[in-house]
Amino acid sequence: MSHDRPQPPDPAGDSACTVHRKRPTGGTRALLLHGLANSSSVWDALAAREAGGLDLWAAELPWGGGRSPAWAYGPHASRAVADALGQVPGGAGIVVAHSFSTVLLLELLGEELARGGDPFARHGIEGLVLVSPFYRRDPESFEYGVVGDMLENFRRTMDEGIRVVAGPRLDPSLRRDMAQRVCEQVGPYGYLSFFRSYLHTPWLRTDLITVPSLVIGGEEDFTAVPAESRALAADLPDARCRFIPGAGHFPMVEQADAFSAALGEFLDAIGCPAPAAVDQPA
């Protein structure tokens, strides 16, 4: 008995993303890239704060919450990051990436640099802010037990994301059910796309990524642990590392004031101009 086989994954398909202006200012542009199963709303608390006067643009990426898992059927998830970079008028400026998107961003930039290209000039990138990144230097550090640990941590991270957005009034049992549904929506292809990218981090060409960078995480992050942020900052040619007390995997939500201040300090350190006044509509 025959059956219709699914079409092979289309490398260009199911990777569409959209970019919108989240907060207009006269300051340096910044593109915000959310993590797996999140959305641009994860940056709402940041947009309500000073954040160095950044002109904020936010991407809605294929791996966002509630999206089809078809983006993960092929091997080229980082193409959506390239698409987002190209949608910011005048260049991306400071690229702020969270969690899964940090790995895809570094992969995209490193591969082009290794080919002799200049993605910084092509996309107008002045600096990177890598939030709660996943990174390991050594493939041998991925022992077999990591497989089960990371799968459980993924569910816990989805639970944490719902908690920090919804607040303490949401019943914990309902929150756990919601987190489980998010995991089911991401599905095995989405999760394995993340895990494959994480397993590849020992081969990222961090040595070629020379723009000023800030690696920033929460002191209490149990999934993208602080030791990995320190290692990444040490392996980037021009990077500083900062941890936010009292924050886990979502420091831009949990401790938005401290996160905003850290961004402002980073912009001052790399010499980004102060924002000009922007006329507001009457």
Foldseek 3Di string as FASTA:
>chain_A
DDDDDDDQQDLPPLWDKDKDFDAAFQFFEAEEAEDAQAAQVLQVLLNVDCLLRYRYMYMGTSRYRPHALSCLSDQQNLVSVVVSLVPDPPAREEYEYAELVLLSVLQVQQVQVVVVHHVCVVSVYQEYEYELYQADQDLVVPDPVVVVVLVVLQLVVLLVVCCLVVDDVDDSVVSSVVSVVRDVNNPPSNVVSSVVSSSCRSVRPLARQAHAYEYEYECAAPNSHPVRSVVSQVSHPHYDYYYDYPDYRSCCRRVVVVVSVVSSVSCVVSPTDRIDGDDDDD
